[in-house]
């Protein structure tokens, strides 16, 4: 089965509408599906809930959707490098569900595995635990966290084939595999596209059964969040 679409815009056609929840892969600016994010912006969809480890930076990544006011709520772990995010949040224009990084990863993994909730020690005794069920196991207190699923998942892979089998590279593997399984409509952006059978099955991180559509972006823009160089 050939799941490849000619462009990011074509890959999102018919699956985006106002008010949906979108899970987006990536870690910082590493491994973000930038072509798909730009295509999502161009759909004009509003009132989106975005699940992502971070909120991009001003003018790049999910930051472009904040600039156009298309996101109404972020479910994130780290949001410290986006001034527009800070402005909207402090002005109460943007909702934020702040989630510890490991908990966020497990929420997505559990959602993809069909597990509705789990218990974790992380956040117990802090505001993270407010309003959540607490149980004791072996003398330790744990809080219950609900899993996360999305209407649409956008992921970025290093290599992919036309059936949607994906291989991630290094840090880009942090959140993309969990995001890929957390919805019934996963669209993958790949840097290198292969015919079915060319990828080693032992190296596949996300099987194609989880991926509905694929778009090839062979020349991605790979920005660095904070570029620090030694003074001359």
C-alpha atoms as a PDB file:
ATOM      1  CA  UNK A   1       0.000   0.000   0.000  1.00  0.00           C
ATOM      2  CA  UNK A   2       1.359   3.407  -0.996  1.00  0.00           C
ATOM      3  CA  UNK A   3       0.553   5.945   1.725  1.00  0.00           C
ATOM      4  CA  UNK A   4       2.637   8.765   0.241  1.00  0.00           C
ATOM      5  CA  UNK A   5       1.022  12.136  -0.480  1.00  0.00           C
ATOM      6  CA  UNK A   6       2.547  14.744  -2.812  1.00  0.00           C
ATOM      7  CA  UNK A   7       2.705  17.521  -0.205  1.00  0.00           C
ATOM      8  CA  UNK A   8       2.123  18.271   3.456  1.00  0.00           C
ATOM      9  CA  UNK A   9      -1.026  20.176   2.530  1.00  0.00           C
ATOM     10  CA  UNK A  10      -2.387  17.174   0.630  1.00  0.00           C
ATOM     11  CA  UNK A  11      -1.527  14.871   3.536  1.00  0.00           C
ATOM     12  CA  UNK A  12      -3.708  16.938   5.884  1.00  0.00           C
ATOM     13  CA  UNK A  13      -6.599  17.361   3.491  1.00  0.00           C
ATOM     14  CA  UNK A  14      -9.869  16.141   4.967  1.00  0.00           C
ATOM     15  CA  UNK A  15      -8.488  15.379   8.442  1.00  0.00           C
ATOM     16  CA  UNK A  16      -8.219  18.864   9.963  1.00  0.00           C
ATOM     17  CA  UNK A  17     -11.101  20.878  11.387  1.00  0.00           C
ATOM     18  CA  UNK A  18     -11.718  23.406  14.139  1.00  0.00           C
ATOM     19  CA  UNK A  19     -11.515  22.206  17.731  1.00  0.00           C
ATOM     20  CA  UNK A  20      -9.531  19.004  17.243  1.00  0.00           C
ATOM     21  CA  UNK A  21      -6.717  17.742  19.457  1.00  0.00           C
ATOM     22  CA  UNK A  22      -3.359  17.432  17.694  1.00  0.00           C
ATOM     23  CA  UNK A  23      -0.388  15.539  19.130  1.00  0.00           C
ATOM     24  CA  UNK A  24       2.945  16.695  17.711  1.00  0.00           C
ATOM     25  CA  UNK A  25       6.269  14.872  17.949  1.00  0.00           C
ATOM     26  CA  UNK A  26       9.667  16.363  18.608  1.00  0.00           C
ATOM     27  CA  UNK A  27      11.974  17.352  21.431  1.00  0.00           C
ATOM     28  CA  UNK A  28      12.721  21.057  21.500  1.00  0.00           C
ATOM     29  CA  UNK A  29      13.237  21.802  17.817  1.00  0.00           C
ATOM     30  CA  UNK A  30      14.722  18.356  17.190  1.00  0.00           C
ATOM     31  CA  UNK A  31      12.512  15.989  15.236  1.00  0.00           C
ATOM     32  CA  UNK A  32       9.575  18.341  14.763  1.00  0.00           C
ATOM     33  CA  UNK A  33       7.403  17.865  11.654  1.00  0.00           C
ATOM     34  CA  UNK A  34       7.925  21.433  10.452  1.00  0.00           C
ATOM     35  CA  UNK A  35       6.352  20.971   7.012  1.00  0.00           C
ATOM     36  CA  UNK A  36       3.206  19.452   8.544  1.00  0.00           C
ATOM     37  CA  UNK A  37       3.019  22.190  11.191  1.00  0.00           C
ATOM     38  CA  UNK A  38       3.193  24.836   8.458  1.00  0.00           C
ATOM     39  CA  UNK A  39       0.498  23.004   6.485  1.00  0.00           C
ATOM     40  CA  UNK A  40      -1.668  22.853   9.616  1.00  0.00           C
ATOM     41  CA  UNK A  41      -1.309  26.605   9.976  1.00  0.00           C
ATOM     42  CA  UNK A  42      -2.342  27.088   6.363  1.00  0.00           C
ATOM     43  CA  UNK A  43      -5.593  25.163   6.918  1.00  0.00           C
ATOM     44  CA  UNK A  44      -6.761  28.021   9.146  1.00  0.00           C
ATOM     45  CA  UNK A  45      -8.175  25.570  11.718  1.00  0.00           C
ATOM     46  CA  UNK A  46      -8.941  27.293  15.035  1.00  0.00           C
ATOM     47  CA  UNK A  47      -9.420  26.354  18.704  1.00  0.00           C
ATOM     48  CA  UNK A  48      -6.880  23.559  18.540  1.00  0.00           C
ATOM     49  CA  UNK A  49      -5.602  21.654  21.554  1.00  0.00           C
ATOM     50  CA  UNK A  50      -1.929  20.817  21.024  1.00  0.00           C
ATOM     51  CA  UNK A  51      -0.151  18.013  22.872  1.00  0.00           C
ATOM     52  CA  UNK A  52       3.593  18.484  22.598  1.00  0.00           C
ATOM     53  CA  UNK A  53       6.633  18.323  24.832  1.00  0.00           C
ATOM     54  CA  UNK A  54       7.261  21.998  24.125  1.00  0.00           C
ATOM     55  CA  UNK A  55       5.662  24.941  22.347  1.00  0.00           C
ATOM     56  CA  UNK A  56       8.339  25.609  19.759  1.00  0.00           C
ATOM     57  CA  UNK A  57      10.005  29.021  19.615  1.00  0.00           C
ATOM     58  CA  UNK A  58       8.797  32.366  18.331  1.00  0.00           C
ATOM     59  CA  UNK A  59       8.192  32.024  14.616  1.00  0.00           C
ATOM     60  CA  UNK A  60       9.099  28.330  14.268  1.00  0.00           C
ATOM     61  CA  UNK A  61       7.610  24.980  15.186  1.00  0.00           C
ATOM     62  CA  UNK A  62       4.347  25.282  17.085  1.00  0.00           C
ATOM     63  CA  UNK A  63       5.253  28.920  17.615  1.00  0.00           C
ATOM     64  CA  UNK A  64       3.790  29.724  14.197  1.00  0.00           C
ATOM     65  CA  UNK A  65       0.401  28.407  15.335  1.00  0.00           C
ATOM     66  CA  UNK A  66       0.587  30.566  18.441  1.00  0.00           C
ATOM     67  CA  UNK A  67       1.317  33.600  16.270  1.00  0.00           C
ATOM     68  CA  UNK A  68      -1.870  32.970  14.282  1.00  0.00           C
ATOM     69  CA  UNK A  69      -3.883  32.267  17.458  1.00  0.00           C
ATOM     70  CA  UNK A  70      -4.927  28.831  16.230  1.00  0.00           C
ATOM     71  CA  UNK A  71      -4.078  27.055  19.509  1.00  0.00           C
ATOM     72  CA  UNK A  72      -6.456  27.515  22.445  1.00  0.00           C
ATOM     73  CA  UNK A  73      -4.815  24.987  24.784  1.00  0.00           C
ATOM     74  CA  UNK A  74      -1.360  23.468  25.198  1.00  0.00           C
ATOM     75  CA  UNK A  75      -0.638  20.201  27.001  1.00  0.00           C
ATOM     76  CA  UNK A  76       3.110  20.480  27.453  1.00  0.00           C
ATOM     77  CA  UNK A  77       6.142  19.909  29.627  1.00  0.00           C
ATOM     78  CA  UNK A  78       8.523  22.730  28.702  1.00  0.00           C
ATOM     79  CA  UNK A  79       7.458  26.108  27.340  1.00  0.00           C
ATOM     80  CA  UNK A  80      10.277  28.418  28.385  1.00  0.00           C
ATOM     81  CA  UNK A  81      11.607  29.570  25.006  1.00  0.00           C
ATOM     82  CA  UNK A  82       8.531  31.123  23.457  1.00  0.00           C
ATOM     83  CA  UNK A  83       7.796  34.740  24.342  1.00  0.00           C
ATOM     84  CA  UNK A  84       4.464  34.768  22.522  1.00  0.00           C
ATOM     85  CA  UNK A  85       3.412  31.711  24.515  1.00  0.00           C
ATOM     86  CA  UNK A  86       4.322  33.538  27.718  1.00  0.00           C
ATOM     87  CA  UNK A  87       2.410  36.639  26.657  1.00  0.00           C
ATOM     88  CA  UNK A  88      -0.748  34.712  25.742  1.00  0.00           C
ATOM     89  CA  UNK A  89      -0.634  32.623  28.910  1.00  0.00           C
ATOM     90  CA  UNK A  90      -0.136  35.576  31.250  1.00  0.00           C
ATOM     91  CA  UNK A  91      -2.916  37.441  29.443  1.00  0.00           C
ATOM     92  CA  UNK A  92      -5.186  34.385  29.968  1.00  0.00           C
ATOM     93  CA  UNK A  93      -5.592  34.009  26.216  1.00  0.00           C
ATOM     94  CA  UNK A  94      -4.167  30.483  26.234  1.00  0.00           C
ATOM     95  CA  UNK A  95      -4.920  27.472  28.426  1.00  0.00           C
ATOM     96  CA  UNK A  96      -2.040  25.368  29.720  1.00  0.00           C
ATOM     97  CA  UNK A  97      -2.068  21.862  31.154  1.00  0.00           C
ATOM     98  CA  UNK A  98       1.454  21.635  32.528  1.00  0.00           C
ATOM     99  CA  UNK A  99       2.714  18.048  32.742  1.00  0.00           C
ATOM    100  CA  UNK A 100       6.035  16.576  33.935  1.00  0.00           C
ATOM    101  CA  UNK A 101       8.037  15.341  30.961  1.00  0.00           C
ATOM    102  CA  UNK A 102       8.122  11.647  31.866  1.00  0.00           C
ATOM    103  CA  UNK A 103       4.455  11.726  32.790  1.00  0.00           C
ATOM    104  CA  UNK A 104       3.597  13.311  29.438  1.00  0.00           C
ATOM    105  CA  UNK A 105       5.507  10.599  27.586  1.00  0.00           C
ATOM    106  CA  UNK A 106       3.738   7.888  29.566  1.00  0.00           C
ATOM    107  CA  UNK A 107       0.328   9.535  29.047  1.00  0.00           C
ATOM    108  CA  UNK A 108       0.845   9.277  25.289  1.00  0.00           C
ATOM    109  CA  UNK A 109       2.292   5.751  25.436  1.00  0.00           C
ATOM    110  CA  UNK A 110      -0.595   4.578  27.607  1.00  0.00           C
ATOM    111  CA  UNK A 111      -3.120   6.221  25.293  1.00  0.00           C
ATOM    112  CA  UNK A 112      -1.649   4.397  22.325  1.00  0.00           C
ATOM    113  CA  UNK A 113      -1.688   1.109  24.240  1.00  0.00           C
ATOM    114  CA  UNK A 114      -5.351   1.468  25.231  1.00  0.00           C
ATOM    115  CA  UNK A 115      -4.560   2.018  28.923  1.00  0.00           C
ATOM    116  CA  UNK A 116      -6.969   4.644  30.339  1.00  0.00           C
ATOM    117  CA  UNK A 117      -4.925   5.664  33.386  1.00  0.00           C
ATOM    118  CA  UNK A 118      -1.867   4.846  35.512  1.00  0.00           C
ATOM    119  CA  UNK A 119      -0.322   5.758  38.861  1.00  0.00           C
ATOM    120  CA  UNK A 120       2.936   7.673  39.326  1.00  0.00           C
ATOM    121  CA  UNK A 121       4.819   9.245  42.219  1.00  0.00           C
ATOM    122  CA  UNK A 122       5.837  12.195  40.070  1.00  0.00           C
ATOM    123  CA  UNK A 123       4.020  15.342  41.161  1.00  0.00           C
ATOM    124  CA  UNK A 124       2.671  14.011  44.443  1.00  0.00           C
ATOM    125  CA  UNK A 125       2.552  16.789  47.032  1.00  0.00           C
ATOM    126  CA  UNK A 126       2.661  19.532  44.375  1.00  0.00           C
ATOM    127  CA  UNK A 127       0.065  21.440  42.362  1.00  0.00           C
ATOM    128  CA  UNK A 128       0.437  18.746  39.706  1.00  0.00           C
ATOM    129  CA  UNK A 129      -1.591  16.477  42.005  1.00  0.00           C
ATOM    130  CA  UNK A 130      -4.454  18.937  42.554  1.00  0.00           C
ATOM    131  CA  UNK A 131      -7.805  17.266  41.916  1.00  0.00           C
ATOM    132  CA  UNK A 132      -6.283  13.877  41.117  1.00  0.00           C
ATOM    133  CA  UNK A 133      -6.906  10.575  42.866  1.00  0.00           C
ATOM    134  CA  UNK A 134      -4.172   9.508  45.293  1.00  0.00           C
ATOM    135  CA  UNK A 135      -3.495   5.897  46.300  1.00  0.00           C
ATOM    136  CA  UNK A 136      -0.913   4.230  48.487  1.00  0.00           C
ATOM    137  CA  UNK A 137       1.183   1.314  47.243  1.00  0.00           C
ATOM    138  CA  UNK A 138       3.774  -0.322  49.482  1.00  0.00           C
ATOM    139  CA  UNK A 139       3.783   2.664  51.799  1.00  0.00           C
ATOM    140  CA  UNK A 140       4.286   5.218  48.995  1.00  0.00           C
ATOM    141  CA  UNK A 141       1.744   7.754  47.697  1.00  0.00           C
ATOM    142  CA  UNK A 142       0.951   7.860  43.993  1.00  0.00           C
ATOM    143  CA  UNK A 143      -1.310  10.067  41.908  1.00  0.00           C
ATOM    144  CA  UNK A 144      -3.500   8.811  39.097  1.00  0.00           C
ATOM    145  CA  UNK A 145      -2.871  10.262  35.649  1.00  0.00           C
ATOM    146  CA  UNK A 146      -5.252   9.837  32.731  1.00  0.00           C
ATOM    147  CA  UNK A 147      -3.780   8.787  29.412  1.00  0.00           C
ATOM    148  CA  UNK A 148      -3.812  11.019  26.327  1.00  0.00           C
ATOM    149  CA  UNK A 149      -5.101  10.407  22.821  1.00  0.00           C
ATOM    150  CA  UNK A 150      -5.520  12.826  19.932  1.00  0.00           C
ATOM    151  CA  UNK A 151      -7.676  13.266  16.855  1.00  0.00           C
ATOM    152  CA  UNK A 152      -4.544  13.754  14.752  1.00  0.00           C
ATOM    153  CA  UNK A 153      -0.866  12.913  15.293  1.00  0.00           C
ATOM    154  CA  UNK A 154       1.944  14.614  13.385  1.00  0.00           C
ATOM    155  CA  UNK A 155       5.366  12.988  13.558  1.00  0.00           C
ATOM    156  CA  UNK A 156       8.794  13.371  11.982  1.00  0.00           C
ATOM    157  CA  UNK A 157      11.033  10.451  11.009  1.00  0.00           C
ATOM    158  CA  UNK A 158      14.508  10.174   9.558  1.00  0.00           C
ATOM    159  CA  UNK A 159      13.642   7.272   7.286  1.00  0.00           C
ATOM    160  CA  UNK A 160      10.302   5.910   6.164  1.00  0.00           C
ATOM    161  CA  UNK A 161       8.908   3.688   3.450  1.00  0.00           C
ATOM    162  CA  UNK A 162       5.786   3.979   1.363  1.00  0.00           C
ATOM    163  CA  UNK A 163       3.854   1.742   3.769  1.00  0.00           C
ATOM    164  CA  UNK A 164       4.545   4.086   6.682  1.00  0.00           C
ATOM    165  CA  UNK A 165       7.234   2.132   8.522  1.00  0.00           C
ATOM    166  CA  UNK A 166       9.396   4.673  10.339  1.00  0.00           C
ATOM    167  CA  UNK A 167      12.909   4.996  11.741  1.00  0.00           C
ATOM    168  CA  UNK A 168      13.818   7.945  13.982  1.00  0.00           C
ATOM    169  CA  UNK A 169      17.269   9.354  14.590  1.00  0.00           C
ATOM    170  CA  UNK A 170      18.799  10.031  18.004  1.00  0.00           C
ATOM    171  CA  UNK A 171      16.931  12.617  20.111  1.00  0.00           C
ATOM    172  CA  UNK A 172      14.081  12.758  17.583  1.00  0.00           C
ATOM    173  CA  UNK A 173      13.064   9.367  18.953  1.00  0.00           C
ATOM    174  CA  UNK A 174      12.114  10.807  22.372  1.00  0.00           C
ATOM    175  CA  UNK A 175       8.441  11.681  21.748  1.00  0.00           C
ATOM    176  CA  UNK A 176       7.704  10.762  18.133  1.00  0.00           C
ATOM    177  CA  UNK A 177       7.121   7.009  18.729  1.00  0.00           C
ATOM    178  CA  UNK A 178       4.539   7.655  21.470  1.00  0.00           C
ATOM    179  CA  UNK A 179       2.812  10.404  19.484  1.00  0.00           C
ATOM    180  CA  UNK A 180       2.602   8.096  16.460  1.00  0.00           C
ATOM    181  CA  UNK A 181       0.507   5.544  18.360  1.00  0.00           C
ATOM    182  CA  UNK A 182      -1.706   8.000  20.260  1.00  0.00           C
ATOM    183  CA  UNK A 183      -4.286   8.632  17.530  1.00  0.00           C
ATOM    184  CA  UNK A 184      -6.107   6.828  14.726  1.00  0.00           C
ATOM    185  CA  UNK A 185      -4.894   9.382  12.174  1.00  0.00           C
ATOM    186  CA  UNK A 186      -1.109   9.630  12.179  1.00  0.00           C
ATOM    187  CA  UNK A 187       0.609  11.597   9.436  1.00  0.00           C
ATOM    188  CA  UNK A 188       4.374  11.161   9.127  1.00  0.00           C
ATOM    189  CA  UNK A 189       6.913  13.523   7.591  1.00  0.00           C
ATOM    190  CA  UNK A 190      10.095  11.711   6.505  1.00  0.00           C
ATOM    191  CA  UNK A 191      13.498  12.977   5.401  1.00  0.00           C
ATOM    192  CA  UNK A 192      14.377   9.879   3.392  1.00  0.00           C
ATOM    193  CA  UNK A 193      11.705   7.870   1.566  1.00  0.00           C
ATOM    194  CA  UNK A 194      12.187   4.232   0.589  1.00  0.00           C
ATOM    195  CA  UNK A 195      10.312   1.523  -1.259  1.00  0.00           C
ATOM    196  CA  UNK A 196       8.605  -1.138   0.838  1.00  0.00           C
ATOM    197  CA  UNK A 197      11.136  -3.797   1.756  1.00  0.00           C
ATOM    198  CA  UNK A 198      14.209  -1.556   1.609  1.00  0.00           C
ATOM    199  CA  UNK A 199      14.271  -0.823   5.343  1.00  0.00           C
ATOM    200  CA  UNK A 200      15.642  -3.442   7.736  1.00  0.00           C
ATOM    201  CA  UNK A 201      12.646  -4.731   9.749  1.00  0.00           C
ATOM    202  CA  UNK A 202      14.876  -4.965  12.832  1.00  0.00           C
ATOM    203  CA  UNK A 203      15.455  -1.203  12.736  1.00  0.00           C
ATOM    204  CA  UNK A 204      11.812  -0.102  12.489  1.00  0.00           C
ATOM    205  CA  UNK A 205      10.676   2.013  15.456  1.00  0.00           C
ATOM    206  CA  UNK A 206       7.072   2.668  14.358  1.00  0.00           C
ATOM    207  CA  UNK A 207       5.372  -0.042  12.270  1.00  0.00           C
ATOM    208  CA  UNK A 208       3.365   1.205   9.311  1.00  0.00           C
ATOM    209  CA  UNK A 209       0.115  -0.090  10.829  1.00  0.00           C
ATOM    210  CA  UNK A 210       0.084   3.051  12.983  1.00  0.00           C
ATOM    211  CA  UNK A 211       0.661   5.476  10.084  1.00  0.00           C
ATOM    212  CA  UNK A 212      -2.086   6.499   7.670  1.00  0.00           C
ATOM    213  CA  UNK A 213      -0.288   9.075   5.504  1.00  0.00           C
ATOM    214  CA  UNK A 214       3.321   9.906   4.602  1.00  0.00           C
ATOM    215  CA  UNK A 215       4.886  13.019   3.107  1.00  0.00           C
ATOM    216  CA  UNK A 216       8.490  13.350   1.952  1.00  0.00           C
ATOM    217  CA  UNK A 217      10.417  16.436   3.086  1.00  0.00           C
ATOM    218  CA  UNK A 218      13.966  15.871   1.929  1.00  0.00           C
ATOM    219  CA  UNK A 219      15.302  19.311   2.812  1.00  0.00           C
ATOM    220  CA  UNK A 220      14.051  20.152   6.316  1.00  0.00           C
ATOM    221  CA  UNK A 221      15.120  23.289   8.144  1.00  0.00           C
ATOM    222  CA  UNK A 222      17.011  22.162  11.230  1.00  0.00           C
ATOM    223  CA  UNK A 223      17.263  25.030  13.660  1.00  0.00           C
ATOM    224  CA  UNK A 224      19.124  25.112  16.961  1.00  0.00           C
ATOM    225  CA  UNK A 225      17.181  26.474  19.938  1.00  0.00           C
ATOM    226  CA  UNK A 226      20.099  28.164  21.647  1.00  0.00           C
ATOM    227  CA  UNK A 227      23.240  28.470  19.573  1.00  0.00           C
ATOM    228  CA  UNK A 228      26.225  29.167  21.797  1.00  0.00           C
ATOM    229  CA  UNK A 229      29.687  29.615  20.365  1.00  0.00           C
ATOM    230  CA  UNK A 230      33.043  30.336  21.918  1.00  0.00           C
ATOM    231  CA  UNK A 231      34.260  33.907  21.720  1.00  0.00           C
ATOM    232  CA  UNK A 232      37.169  34.479  19.386  1.00  0.00           C
END
